[in-house]
Amino acid sequence: MGLTNKKEEQLRKMPRIESYIFKSKDNKYIIQKTTISTVRPVGYYHKIMEGKEQSPTLEQFDDSDFFVQEGEELIES
């Protein structure tokens, strides 16, 4: 049983995720490397760059609620 044309098209549009696991040269560590590759037409990026809406700069970006708090900070609050 093969995939439908619609499903094949969906899979083609998805990013390609590759994961590699290997030992460090000194054999002390296991390294896990993940690469996410996407393919987009050049026109896609032209439209993004020409957009009138400005993206926030790094200085304007607030990620204070994003990171996990340490255990001691949770106990104190």
PDB file of N, CA and C in Angstrom:
ATOM      1  N   MET A   1       0.838  -1.168   0.000  1.00  0.00           N
ATOM      2  CA  MET A   1       0.000   0.000   0.000  1.00  0.00           C
ATOM      3  C   MET A   1       0.887   1.235   0.000  1.00  0.00           C
ATOM      4  N   GLY A   2       0.765   2.080  -1.003  1.00  0.00           N
ATOM      5  CA  GLY A   2       1.591   3.270  -1.115  1.00  0.00           C
ATOM      6  C   GLY A   2       0.916   4.493  -0.508  1.00  0.00           C
ATOM      7  N   LEU A   3       1.670   5.552  -0.456  1.00  0.00           N
ATOM      8  CA  LEU A   3       1.146   6.812   0.059  1.00  0.00           C
ATOM      9  C   LEU A   3       0.305   7.511  -1.006  1.00  0.00           C
ATOM     10  N   THR A   4      -0.653   8.287  -0.552  1.00  0.00           N
ATOM     11  CA  THR A   4      -1.458   9.055  -1.491  1.00  0.00           C
ATOM     12  C   THR A   4      -0.637  10.242  -1.991  1.00  0.00           C
ATOM     13  N   ASN A   5      -1.049  10.810  -3.100  1.00  0.00           N
ATOM     14  CA  ASN A   5      -0.344  11.976  -3.637  1.00  0.00           C
ATOM     15  C   ASN A   5      -0.351  13.128  -2.646  1.00  0.00           C
ATOM     16  N   LYS A   6      -1.477  13.315  -1.959  1.00  0.00           N
ATOM     17  CA  LYS A   6      -1.579  14.395  -0.977  1.00  0.00           C
ATOM     18  C   LYS A   6      -0.571  14.197   0.155  1.00  0.00           C
ATOM     19  N   LYS A   7      -0.452  12.978   0.651  1.00  0.00           N
ATOM     20  CA  LYS A   7       0.480  12.684   1.748  1.00  0.00           C
ATOM     21  C   LYS A   7       1.922  12.858   1.287  1.00  0.00           C
ATOM     22  N   GLU A   8       2.241  12.424   0.081  1.00  0.00           N
ATOM     23  CA  GLU A   8       3.589  12.609  -0.453  1.00  0.00           C
ATOM     24  C   GLU A   8       3.941  14.086  -0.542  1.00  0.00           C
ATOM     25  N   GLU A   9       2.986  14.907  -0.970  1.00  0.00           N
ATOM     26  CA  GLU A   9       3.211  16.358  -1.067  1.00  0.00           C
ATOM     27  C   GLU A   9       3.422  16.960   0.318  1.00  0.00           C
ATOM     28  N   GLN A  10       2.653  16.513   1.303  1.00  0.00           N
ATOM     29  CA  GLN A  10       2.833  16.994   2.673  1.00  0.00           C
ATOM     30  C   GLN A  10       4.228  16.652   3.193  1.00  0.00           C
ATOM     31  N   LEU A  11       4.668  15.447   2.937  1.00  0.00           N
ATOM     32  CA  LEU A  11       5.984  15.020   3.405  1.00  0.00           C
ATOM     33  C   LEU A  11       7.107  15.804   2.724  1.00  0.00           C
ATOM     34  N   ARG A  12       6.922  16.147   1.450  1.00  0.00           N
ATOM     35  CA  ARG A  12       7.931  16.934   0.731  1.00  0.00           C
ATOM     36  C   ARG A  12       8.065  18.335   1.313  1.00  0.00           C
ATOM     37  N   LYS A  13       6.976  18.884   1.830  1.00  0.00           N
ATOM     38  CA  LYS A  13       6.985  20.240   2.376  1.00  0.00           C
ATOM     39  C   LYS A  13       7.573  20.310   3.790  1.00  0.00           C
ATOM     40  N   MET A  14       7.642  19.180   4.451  1.00  0.00           N
ATOM     41  CA  MET A  14       8.145  19.157   5.826  1.00  0.00           C
ATOM     42  C   MET A  14       9.664  19.346   5.849  1.00  0.00           C
ATOM     43  N   PRO A  15      10.173  19.955   6.933  1.00  0.00           N
ATOM     44  CA  PRO A  15      11.628  20.069   7.045  1.00  0.00           C
ATOM     45  C   PRO A  15      12.271  18.692   7.209  1.00  0.00           C
ATOM     46  N   ARG A  16      13.491  18.577   6.728  1.00  0.00           N
ATOM     47  CA  ARG A  16      14.233  17.326   6.872  1.00  0.00           C
ATOM     48  C   ARG A  16      15.008  17.402   8.180  1.00  0.00           C
ATOM     49  N   ILE A  17      14.836  16.418   9.033  1.00  0.00           N
ATOM     50  CA  ILE A  17      15.501  16.395  10.333  1.00  0.00           C
ATOM     51  C   ILE A  17      16.472  15.221  10.344  1.00  0.00           C
ATOM     52  N   GLU A  18      17.738  15.550  10.583  1.00  0.00           N
ATOM     53  CA  GLU A  18      18.778  14.517  10.654  1.00  0.00           C
ATOM     54  C   GLU A  18      19.408  14.572  12.032  1.00  0.00           C
ATOM     55  N   SER A  19      19.592  13.444  12.643  1.00  0.00           N
ATOM     56  CA  SER A  19      20.178  13.384  13.972  1.00  0.00           C
ATOM     57  C   SER A  19      21.401  12.463  13.938  1.00  0.00           C
ATOM     58  N   TYR A  20      22.480  12.931  14.523  1.00  0.00           N
ATOM     59  CA  TYR A  20      23.726  12.163  14.568  1.00  0.00           C
ATOM     60  C   TYR A  20      24.164  12.030  16.022  1.00  0.00           C
ATOM     61  N   ILE A  21      24.594  10.853  16.394  1.00  0.00           N
ATOM     62  CA  ILE A  21      25.114  10.610  17.731  1.00  0.00           C
ATOM     63  C   ILE A  21      26.482   9.973  17.566  1.00  0.00           C
ATOM     64  N   PHE A  22      27.472  10.565  18.251  1.00  0.00           N
ATOM     65  CA  PHE A  22      28.832  10.026  18.151  1.00  0.00           C
ATOM     66  C   PHE A  22      29.608  10.358  19.413  1.00  0.00           C
ATOM     67  N   LYS A  23      30.725   9.671  19.601  1.00  0.00           N
ATOM     68  CA  LYS A  23      31.592   9.898  20.758  1.00  0.00           C
ATOM     69  C   LYS A  23      32.598  10.991  20.436  1.00  0.00           C
ATOM     70  N   SER A  24      33.009  11.709  21.491  1.00  0.00           N
ATOM     71  CA  SER A  24      34.059  12.703  21.314  1.00  0.00           C
ATOM     72  C   SER A  24      35.379  11.982  21.060  1.00  0.00           C
ATOM     73  N   LYS A  25      36.368  12.724  20.575  1.00  0.00           N
ATOM     74  CA  LYS A  25      37.659  12.113  20.239  1.00  0.00           C
ATOM     75  C   LYS A  25      38.319  11.460  21.447  1.00  0.00           C
ATOM     76  N   ASP A  26      38.121  12.043  22.634  1.00  0.00           N
ATOM     77  CA  ASP A  26      38.730  11.463  23.837  1.00  0.00           C
ATOM     78  C   ASP A  26      37.831  10.410  24.509  1.00  0.00           C
ATOM     79  N   ASN A  27      36.708  10.093  23.867  1.00  0.00           N
ATOM     80  CA  ASN A  27      35.761   9.083  24.352  1.00  0.00           C
ATOM     81  C   ASN A  27      35.155   9.398  25.721  1.00  0.00           C
ATOM     82  N   LYS A  28      35.173  10.665  26.133  1.00  0.00           N
ATOM     83  CA  LYS A  28      34.594  11.033  27.419  1.00  0.00           C
ATOM     84  C   LYS A  28      33.140  11.463  27.292  1.00  0.00           C
ATOM     85  N   TYR A  29      32.709  11.846  26.103  1.00  0.00           N
ATOM     86  CA  TYR A  29      31.380  12.415  25.930  1.00  0.00           C
ATOM     87  C   TYR A  29      30.652  11.781  24.745  1.00  0.00           C
ATOM     88  N   ILE A  30      29.340  11.794  24.842  1.00  0.00           N
ATOM     89  CA  ILE A  30      28.480  11.434  23.717  1.00  0.00           C
ATOM     90  C   ILE A  30      27.950  12.750  23.162  1.00  0.00           C
ATOM     91  N   ILE A  31      28.061  12.960  21.878  1.00  0.00           N
ATOM     92  CA  ILE A  31      27.611  14.189  21.233  1.00  0.00           C
ATOM     93  C   ILE A  31      26.410  13.851  20.371  1.00  0.00           C
ATOM     94  N   GLN A  32      25.329  14.608  20.566  1.00  0.00           N
ATOM     95  CA  GLN A  32      24.118  14.442  19.777  1.00  0.00           C
ATOM     96  C   GLN A  32      23.929  15.730  18.988  1.00  0.00           C
ATOM     97  N   LYS A  33      23.947  15.627  17.669  1.00  0.00           N
ATOM     98  CA  LYS A  33      23.833  16.776  16.787  1.00  0.00           C
ATOM     99  C   LYS A  33      22.587  16.605  15.928  1.00  0.00           C
ATOM    100  N   THR A  34      21.738  17.646  15.896  1.00  0.00           N
ATOM    101  CA  THR A  34      20.520  17.606  15.095  1.00  0.00           C
ATOM    102  C   THR A  34      20.567  18.728  14.073  1.00  0.00           C
ATOM    103  N   THR A  35      20.291  18.405  12.822  1.00  0.00           N
ATOM    104  CA  THR A  35      20.262  19.387  11.745  1.00  0.00           C
ATOM    105  C   THR A  35      18.856  19.410  11.160  1.00  0.00           C
ATOM    106  N   ILE A  36      18.268  20.608  11.094  1.00  0.00           N
ATOM    107  CA  ILE A  36      16.949  20.778  10.484  1.00  0.00           C
ATOM    108  C   ILE A  36      17.144  21.561   9.199  1.00  0.00           C
ATOM    109  N   SER A  37      16.776  20.976   8.076  1.00  0.00           N
ATOM    110  CA  SER A  37      16.948  21.614   6.767  1.00  0.00           C
ATOM    111  C   SER A  37      15.573  21.859   6.151  1.00  0.00           C
ATOM    112  N   THR A  38      15.364  23.076   5.665  1.00  0.00           N
ATOM    113  CA  THR A  38      14.140  23.393   4.941  1.00  0.00           C
ATOM    114  C   THR A  38      14.512  23.964   3.584  1.00  0.00           C
ATOM    115  N   VAL A  39      13.651  23.748   2.620  1.00  0.00           N
ATOM    116  CA  VAL A  39      13.865  24.275   1.273  1.00  0.00           C
ATOM    117  C   VAL A  39      12.716  25.221   0.979  1.00  0.00           C
ATOM    118  N   ARG A  40      13.052  26.454   0.644  1.00  0.00           N
ATOM    119  CA  ARG A  40      12.052  27.467   0.313  1.00  0.00           C
ATOM    120  C   ARG A  40      12.459  28.156  -0.980  1.00  0.00           C
ATOM    121  N   PRO A  41      11.489  28.590  -1.774  1.00  0.00           N
ATOM    122  CA  PRO A  41      11.828  29.334  -2.987  1.00  0.00           C
ATOM    123  C   PRO A  41      12.418  30.695  -2.630  1.00  0.00           C
ATOM    124  N   VAL A  42      13.285  31.204  -3.480  1.00  0.00           N
ATOM    125  CA  VAL A  42      13.921  32.501  -3.255  1.00  0.00           C
ATOM    126  C   VAL A  42      12.857  33.591  -3.113  1.00  0.00           C
ATOM    127  N   GLY A  43      11.790  33.506  -3.880  1.00  0.00           N
ATOM    128  CA  GLY A  43      10.720  34.487  -3.806  1.00  0.00           C
ATOM    129  C   GLY A  43      10.112  34.590  -2.415  1.00  0.00           C
ATOM    130  N   TYR A  44      10.085  33.487  -1.686  1.00  0.00           N
ATOM    131  CA  TYR A  44       9.568  33.460  -0.320  1.00  0.00           C
ATOM    132  C   TYR A  44      10.363  34.429   0.550  1.00  0.00           C
ATOM    133  N   TYR A  45      11.683  34.361   0.451  1.00  0.00           N
ATOM    134  CA  TYR A  45      12.534  35.232   1.269  1.00  0.00           C
ATOM    135  C   TYR A  45      12.507  36.676   0.780  1.00  0.00           C
ATOM    136  N   HIS A  46      12.337  36.887  -0.520  1.00  0.00           N
ATOM    137  CA  HIS A  46      12.202  38.250  -1.037  1.00  0.00           C
ATOM    138  C   HIS A  46      10.968  38.920  -0.434  1.00  0.00           C
ATOM    139  N   LYS A  47       9.866  38.183  -0.373  1.00  0.00           N
ATOM    140  CA  LYS A  47       8.641  38.750   0.205  1.00  0.00           C
ATOM    141  C   LYS A  47       8.824  39.056   1.680  1.00  0.00           C
ATOM    142  N   ILE A  48       9.530  38.204   2.389  1.00  0.00           N
ATOM    143  CA  ILE A  48       9.779  38.446   3.809  1.00  0.00           C
ATOM    144  C   ILE A  48      10.622  39.708   3.982  1.00  0.00           C
ATOM    145  N   MET A  49      11.677  39.835   3.192  1.00  0.00           N
ATOM    146  CA  MET A  49      12.586  40.977   3.319  1.00  0.00           C
ATOM    147  C   MET A  49      11.913  42.284   2.892  1.00  0.00           C
ATOM    148  N   GLU A  50      10.967  42.221   1.956  1.00  0.00           N
ATOM    149  CA  GLU A  50      10.290  43.422   1.479  1.00  0.00           C
ATOM    150  C   GLU A  50       9.103  43.803   2.359  1.00  0.00           C
ATOM    151  N   GLY A  51       8.767  42.943   3.312  1.00  0.00           N
ATOM    152  CA  GLY A  51       7.604  43.200   4.161  1.00  0.00           C
ATOM    153  C   GLY A  51       7.730  44.522   4.900  1.00  0.00           C
ATOM    154  N   LYS A  52       6.605  45.192   5.083  1.00  0.00           N
ATOM    155  CA  LYS A  52       6.600  46.488   5.750  1.00  0.00           C
ATOM    156  C   LYS A  52       6.637  46.345   7.260  1.00  0.00           C
ATOM    157  N   GLU A  53       6.210  45.217   7.757  1.00  0.00           N
ATOM    158  CA  GLU A  53       6.191  45.015   9.198  1.00  0.00           C
ATOM    159  C   GLU A  53       7.609  44.728   9.686  1.00  0.00           C
ATOM    160  N   GLN A  54       8.048  45.470  10.676  1.00  0.00           N
ATOM    161  CA  GLN A  54       9.395  45.308  11.207  1.00  0.00           C
ATOM    162  C   GLN A  54       9.415  44.217  12.281  1.00  0.00           C
ATOM    163  N   SER A  55      10.386  43.368  12.198  1.00  0.00           N
ATOM    164  CA  SER A  55      10.578  42.350  13.219  1.00  0.00           C
ATOM    165  C   SER A  55      11.296  42.977  14.397  1.00  0.00           C
ATOM    166  N   PRO A  56      11.048  42.477  15.604  1.00  0.00           N
ATOM    167  CA  PRO A  56      11.766  43.033  16.754  1.00  0.00           C
ATOM    168  C   PRO A  56      13.260  42.725  16.650  1.00  0.00           C
ATOM    169  N   THR A  57      14.061  43.659  17.092  1.00  0.00           N
ATOM    170  CA  THR A  57      15.504  43.435  17.114  1.00  0.00           C
ATOM    171  C   THR A  57      15.840  42.618  18.352  1.00  0.00           C
ATOM    172  N   LEU A  58      17.056  42.180  18.457  1.00  0.00           N
ATOM    173  CA  LEU A  58      17.480  41.370  19.595  1.00  0.00           C
ATOM    174  C   LEU A  58      17.306  42.148  20.899  1.00  0.00           C
ATOM    175  N   GLU A  59      17.556  43.454  20.873  1.00  0.00           N
ATOM    176  CA  GLU A  59      17.417  44.275  22.076  1.00  0.00           C
ATOM    177  C   GLU A  59      15.953  44.394  22.504  1.00  0.00           C
ATOM    178  N   GLN A  60      15.025  44.354  21.547  1.00  0.00           N
ATOM    179  CA  GLN A  60      13.603  44.495  21.838  1.00  0.00           C
ATOM    180  C   GLN A  60      12.950  43.166  22.235  1.00  0.00           C
ATOM    181  N   PHE A  61      13.606  42.073  21.991  1.00  0.00           N
ATOM    182  CA  PHE A  61      13.038  40.751  22.230  1.00  0.00           C
ATOM    183  C   PHE A  61      13.109  40.405  23.710  1.00  0.00           C
ATOM    184  N   ASP A  62      11.971  40.089  24.308  1.00  0.00           N
ATOM    185  CA  ASP A  62      11.916  39.743  25.725  1.00  0.00           C
ATOM    186  C   ASP A  62      11.651  38.249  25.871  1.00  0.00           C
ATOM    187  N   ASP A  63      12.650  37.534  26.322  1.00  0.00           N
ATOM    188  CA  ASP A  63      12.501  36.094  26.516  1.00  0.00           C
ATOM    189  C   ASP A  63      12.630  35.710  27.985  1.00  0.00           C
ATOM    190  N   SER A  64      12.362  36.663  28.888  1.00  0.00           N
ATOM    191  CA  SER A  64      12.550  36.411  30.313  1.00  0.00           C
ATOM    192  C   SER A  64      11.651  35.295  30.839  1.00  0.00           C
ATOM    193  N   ASP A  65      10.474  35.111  30.262  1.00  0.00           N
ATOM    194  CA  ASP A  65       9.582  34.041  30.722  1.00  0.00           C
ATOM    195  C   ASP A  65       9.814  32.733  29.997  1.00  0.00           C
ATOM    196  N   PHE A  66      10.736  32.699  29.065  1.00  0.00           N
ATOM    197  CA  PHE A  66      10.941  31.526  28.233  1.00  0.00           C
ATOM    198  C   PHE A  66      11.771  30.457  28.920  1.00  0.00           C
ATOM    199  N   PHE A  67      12.814  30.857  29.637  1.00  0.00           N
ATOM    200  CA  PHE A  67      13.760  29.899  30.192  1.00  0.00           C
ATOM    201  C   PHE A  67      13.250  29.295  31.493  1.00  0.00           C
ATOM    202  N   VAL A  68      13.649  28.072  31.746  1.00  0.00           N
ATOM    203  CA  VAL A  68      13.252  27.358  32.946  1.00  0.00           C
ATOM    204  C   VAL A  68      13.993  27.951  34.133  1.00  0.00           C
ATOM    205  N   GLN A  69      13.283  28.145  35.236  1.00  0.00           N
ATOM    206  CA  GLN A  69      13.915  28.668  36.439  1.00  0.00           C
ATOM    207  C   GLN A  69      14.662  27.552  37.155  1.00  0.00           C
ATOM    208  N   GLU A  70      15.691  27.946  37.867  1.00  0.00           N
ATOM    209  CA  GLU A  70      16.436  26.990  38.670  1.00  0.00           C
ATOM    210  C   GLU A  70      15.576  26.568  39.872  1.00  0.00           C
ATOM    211  N   GLY A  71      15.850  25.442  40.450  1.00  0.00           N
ATOM    212  CA  GLY A  71      15.077  24.916  41.579  1.00  0.00           C
ATOM    213  C   GLY A  71      15.035  25.851  42.759  1.00  0.00           C
ATOM    214  N   GLU A  72      16.185  26.498  43.097  1.00  0.00           N
ATOM    215  CA  GLU A  72      16.232  27.400  44.247  1.00  0.00           C
ATOM    216  C   GLU A  72      15.285  28.574  44.042  1.00  0.00           C
ATOM    217  N   GLU A  73      15.179  29.082  42.804  1.00  0.00           N
ATOM    218  CA  GLU A  73      14.304  30.215  42.511  1.00  0.00           C
ATOM    219  C   GLU A  73      12.845  29.813  42.685  1.00  0.00           C
ATOM    220  N   LEU A  74      12.493  28.592  42.376  1.00  0.00           N
ATOM    221  CA  LEU A  74      11.117  28.142  42.530  1.00  0.00           C
ATOM    222  C   LEU A  74      10.736  28.026  44.001  1.00  0.00           C
ATOM    223  N   ILE A  75      11.668  27.597  44.836  1.00  0.00           N
ATOM    224  CA  ILE A  75      11.400  27.435  46.263  1.00  0.00           C
ATOM    225  C   ILE A  75      11.197  28.800  46.912  1.00  0.00           C
ATOM    226  N   GLU A  76      11.997  29.783  46.523  1.00  0.00           N
ATOM    227  CA  GLU A  76      11.938  31.118  47.129  1.00  0.00           C
ATOM    228  C   GLU A  76      10.668  31.855  46.745  1.00  0.00           C
ATOM    229  N   SER A  77      10.089  31.576  45.568  1.00  0.00           N
ATOM    230  CA  SER A  77       8.913  32.340  45.148  1.00  0.00           C
ATOM    231  C   SER A  77       7.616  31.745  45.588  1.00  0.00           C
TER     232      SER A  77
END
